Protein backbone atom coordinates (compact mmCIF):
# COMPACT_ATOMS: atom_id res chain seq x y z
CA UNK A 1 88.07 79.39 138.68
CA UNK A 2 90.18 78.10 135.80
CA UNK A 3 93.84 77.22 136.51
CA UNK A 4 96.52 79.52 135.13
CA UNK A 5 98.15 78.43 131.89
CA UNK A 6 101.89 78.22 132.43
CA UNK A 7 103.00 76.41 129.27
CA UNK A 8 105.40 78.32 127.03
CA UNK A 9 104.98 78.07 123.28
CA UNK A 10 106.96 79.60 120.43
CA UNK A 11 104.35 79.92 117.70
CA UNK A 12 103.85 83.61 118.49
CA UNK A 13 107.41 84.18 117.29
CA UNK A 14 106.89 82.74 113.81
CA UNK A 15 106.15 86.01 112.02
CA UNK A 16 109.03 88.16 113.22
CA UNK A 17 111.45 85.23 113.54
CA UNK A 18 110.99 84.28 109.88
CA UNK A 19 111.59 87.84 108.72
CA UNK A 20 114.56 88.34 111.06
CA UNK A 21 116.34 85.12 110.09
CA UNK A 22 115.66 85.64 106.39
CA UNK A 23 116.90 89.22 106.52
CA UNK A 24 120.09 88.53 108.48
CA UNK A 25 120.90 85.44 106.42
CA UNK A 26 120.46 87.30 103.15
CA UNK A 27 122.48 90.22 104.48
CA UNK A 28 125.45 88.04 105.32
CA UNK A 29 125.29 85.78 102.27
CA UNK A 30 124.63 88.38 99.59
CA UNK A 31 127.07 90.99 100.90
CA UNK A 32 129.84 88.49 101.63
CA UNK A 33 129.32 86.85 98.23
CA UNK A 34 129.42 90.22 96.51
CA UNK A 35 132.61 91.18 98.36
CA UNK A 36 134.26 87.85 97.63
CA UNK A 37 133.27 88.01 93.96
CA UNK A 38 134.63 91.54 93.52
CA UNK A 39 137.80 90.66 95.45
CA UNK A 40 138.32 87.59 93.25
CA UNK A 41 138.33 89.85 90.20
CA UNK A 42 141.41 91.63 91.64
CA UNK A 43 139.55 94.90 92.13
CA UNK A 44 141.02 97.72 94.21
CA UNK A 45 140.23 97.82 97.94
CA UNK A 46 138.12 100.99 97.63
CA UNK A 47 136.05 99.37 94.88
CA UNK A 48 135.40 96.35 97.10
CA UNK A 49 134.25 98.58 99.97
CA UNK A 50 132.02 100.59 97.62
CA UNK A 51 130.45 97.42 96.23
CA UNK A 52 129.79 96.18 99.76
CA UNK A 53 128.13 99.43 100.86
CA UNK A 54 126.02 99.57 97.69
CA UNK A 55 125.00 95.95 98.24
CA UNK A 56 123.96 96.72 101.82
CA UNK A 57 121.76 99.67 100.86
CA UNK A 58 120.22 98.01 97.80
CA UNK A 59 119.66 94.73 99.60
CA UNK A 60 118.00 96.32 102.63
CA UNK A 61 115.59 98.29 100.44
CA UNK A 62 114.89 95.25 98.29
CA UNK A 63 114.15 93.11 101.35
CA UNK A 64 111.85 95.76 102.83
CA UNK A 65 109.95 96.26 99.58
CA UNK A 66 109.69 92.54 98.88
CA UNK A 67 108.45 91.66 102.35
CA UNK A 68 105.97 94.54 102.38
CA UNK A 69 104.47 93.64 99.01
CA UNK A 70 104.35 89.93 99.80
CA UNK A 71 102.85 90.23 103.27
CA UNK A 72 100.46 92.98 102.11
CA UNK A 73 99.09 90.58 99.49
CA UNK A 74 98.58 88.01 102.23
CA UNK A 75 96.84 90.61 104.40
CA UNK A 76 94.57 91.64 101.52
CA UNK A 77 93.54 88.02 100.98
CA UNK A 78 92.85 87.54 104.69
CA UNK A 79 90.78 90.73 104.87
CA UNK A 80 88.77 89.71 101.81
CA UNK A 81 88.04 86.29 103.33
CA UNK A 82 87.02 87.89 106.64
CA UNK A 83 84.71 90.35 104.86
CA UNK A 84 83.02 87.51 102.97
CA UNK A 85 82.70 85.47 106.17
CA UNK A 86 81.19 88.47 108.00
CA UNK A 87 78.63 88.86 105.21
CA UNK A 88 77.72 85.17 105.36
CA UNK A 89 77.25 85.40 109.13
CA UNK A 90 74.90 88.36 108.70
CA UNK A 91 72.86 86.64 106.00
CA UNK A 92 72.59 83.04 107.30
CA UNK A 93 73.98 82.49 110.76
CA UNK A 94 72.26 79.10 111.16
CA UNK A 95 74.05 77.71 108.12
CA UNK A 96 77.35 79.08 109.41
CA UNK A 97 76.82 77.39 112.77
CA UNK A 98 76.15 74.06 111.05
CA UNK A 99 79.27 74.60 108.96
CA UNK A 100 81.32 75.12 112.13
CA UNK A 101 79.68 72.08 113.72
CA UNK A 102 80.72 69.96 110.72
CA UNK A 103 84.31 71.10 111.15
CA UNK A 104 84.34 69.93 114.77
CA UNK A 105 82.72 66.63 113.85
CA UNK A 106 85.48 66.09 111.29
CA UNK A 107 88.00 66.70 114.07
CA UNK A 108 86.54 63.96 116.25
CA UNK A 109 83.65 65.38 118.30
CA UNK A 110 80.26 63.74 118.26
CA UNK A 111 77.43 65.66 116.62
CA UNK A 112 75.77 66.84 119.85
CA UNK A 113 78.97 68.10 121.45
CA UNK A 114 80.13 69.65 118.19
CA UNK A 115 76.85 71.54 117.95
CA UNK A 116 77.19 72.81 121.52
CA UNK A 117 80.77 73.93 120.96
CA UNK A 118 79.85 75.71 117.72
CA UNK A 119 76.90 77.43 119.39
CA UNK A 120 78.88 78.64 122.39
CA UNK A 121 81.89 79.80 120.39
CA UNK A 122 79.69 81.71 117.95
CA UNK A 123 77.80 83.31 120.82
CA UNK A 124 81.14 84.56 122.17
CA UNK A 125 82.80 85.57 118.87
CA UNK A 126 81.25 84.20 115.70
CA UNK A 127 83.66 85.82 113.26
CA UNK A 128 86.70 84.89 115.36
CA UNK A 129 85.58 81.26 115.55
CA UNK A 130 85.12 80.99 111.79
CA UNK A 131 88.33 82.87 111.08
CA UNK A 132 90.31 80.48 113.23
CA UNK A 133 88.65 77.15 112.52
CA UNK A 134 87.35 77.58 108.96
CA UNK A 135 89.83 80.01 107.39
CA UNK A 136 92.89 79.23 109.49
CA UNK A 137 93.45 82.89 110.38
CA UNK A 138 94.61 83.67 113.91
CA UNK A 139 96.24 86.58 115.72
CA UNK A 140 99.48 84.57 115.92
CA UNK A 141 99.89 84.13 112.19
CA UNK A 142 98.15 87.29 110.98
CA UNK A 143 99.96 89.21 108.26
CA UNK A 144 101.77 92.36 109.44
CA UNK A 145 103.34 94.03 106.38
CA UNK A 146 105.06 96.97 108.10
CA UNK A 147 106.54 94.79 110.84
CA UNK A 148 107.84 92.29 108.28
CA UNK A 149 109.33 95.04 106.09
CA UNK A 150 111.10 96.87 108.91
CA UNK A 151 112.36 93.66 110.48
CA UNK A 152 113.75 92.38 107.18
CA UNK A 153 115.46 95.67 106.33
CA UNK A 154 116.98 96.05 109.79
CA UNK A 155 118.22 92.48 110.07
CA UNK A 156 119.55 92.51 106.49
CA UNK A 157 121.56 95.62 107.34
CA UNK A 158 122.92 94.03 110.50
CA UNK A 159 123.90 90.90 108.62
CA UNK A 160 125.48 92.88 105.77
CA UNK A 161 127.50 95.07 108.12
CA UNK A 162 129.39 92.08 109.54
CA UNK A 163 131.39 91.09 106.41
CA UNK A 164 131.62 94.76 105.39
CA UNK A 165 133.37 95.69 108.64
CA UNK A 166 135.96 92.99 108.01
CA UNK A 167 136.73 94.51 104.62
CA UNK A 168 136.88 98.06 105.96
CA UNK A 169 139.04 97.43 109.02
CA UNK A 170 140.68 94.06 108.41
CA UNK A 171 143.99 93.41 106.67
CA UNK A 172 143.90 93.46 102.88
CA UNK A 173 145.93 90.25 102.62
CA UNK A 174 143.93 87.05 102.19
CA UNK A 175 140.72 89.10 102.11
CA UNK A 176 138.70 86.38 100.42
CA UNK A 177 139.61 83.73 103.00
CA UNK A 178 139.06 86.14 105.89
CA UNK A 179 135.63 87.33 104.72
CA UNK A 180 134.48 83.82 103.78
CA UNK A 181 135.56 82.26 107.06
CA UNK A 182 134.10 85.01 109.21
CA UNK A 183 130.83 85.01 107.25
CA UNK A 184 130.43 81.24 107.63
CA UNK A 185 130.99 81.67 111.37
CA UNK A 186 128.35 84.41 111.46
CA UNK A 187 125.94 82.16 109.56
CA UNK A 188 126.52 79.28 111.96
CA UNK A 189 125.84 81.58 114.91
CA UNK A 190 122.69 82.87 113.18
CA UNK A 191 121.45 79.34 112.56
CA UNK A 192 122.12 78.43 116.17
CA UNK A 193 120.32 81.51 117.48
CA UNK A 194 117.33 80.96 115.19
CA UNK A 195 117.08 77.30 116.22
CA UNK A 196 117.31 78.17 119.91
CA UNK A 197 114.68 80.91 119.61
CA UNK A 198 112.33 78.71 117.61
CA UNK A 199 112.97 75.56 119.63
CA UNK A 200 114.25 73.45 116.73
CA UNK A 201 117.40 71.39 116.16
CA UNK A 202 120.53 73.54 116.47
CA UNK A 203 122.97 71.42 114.46
CA UNK A 204 120.59 71.00 111.53
CA UNK A 205 119.79 74.71 111.41
CA UNK A 206 123.43 75.80 111.65
CA UNK A 207 124.51 73.37 108.94
CA UNK A 208 121.70 74.42 106.62
CA UNK A 209 122.58 78.13 106.62
CA UNK A 210 126.36 77.60 106.44
CA UNK A 211 126.09 75.14 103.55
CA UNK A 212 124.08 77.46 101.33
CA UNK A 213 126.21 80.42 102.35
CA UNK A 214 129.40 78.57 101.42
CA UNK A 215 127.89 77.53 98.10
CA UNK A 216 126.84 81.10 97.28
CA UNK A 217 130.25 82.55 98.12
CA UNK A 218 132.06 79.80 96.22
CA UNK A 219 130.05 80.31 93.05
CA UNK A 220 130.37 84.10 93.22
CA UNK A 221 134.12 83.88 93.76
CA UNK A 222 134.35 81.64 90.71
CA UNK A 223 132.40 84.10 88.58
CA UNK A 224 134.51 87.02 89.82
CA UNK A 225 137.72 85.17 89.11
CA UNK A 226 136.71 84.14 85.58
CA UNK A 227 135.31 87.51 84.49
CA UNK A 228 138.08 89.40 86.26
CA UNK A 229 140.63 87.49 84.26
CA UNK A 230 138.73 87.91 80.96
CA UNK A 231 138.12 91.62 81.44
């Protein structure tokens, strides 16, 4: 009887974690930048709120559509490769076994053992073995368009709501400083959470998202101030 496998890995989280972090980060950065830019142009409070709400809705739909199209293209490519591999297995399984054997030899196995491994794996699941070891397709990293789209839209909306709530219910004085500071704090927390979930360095991740967020808000505020003054 084989021993139970107790090790905990995080690779199964890559798909949804990427979409979630990207969505929340974009939600905070784009909405906060939009709010700060409009506020810097000396717009009325209602106009700032309207711009923030419009940015939330448009951004969430854009994220969902973009993720769905992108991941669907990946899924189409994977399915096409699997169909071709299935056809090759049906037409010349001996050649495919030698091809798999060559892959294992290149990874360090001797020819005899590589042949045995290829034979046994193909007897168990020929297409699965070739998908994993020849094409690099696995259940962990398989493309899931709907999951990616829904995750991105939901997390974008959550991220966008945070700076928007500050505008709606916070004091109107020093709005730019308040939204910028709170958004950078949200970004730092997001980077920390993403690093913890993915098992990477917390400080590096938090700094990375806050730096680019600060840069985006700074540039947008500058544009809003310049064009607000000109107009």
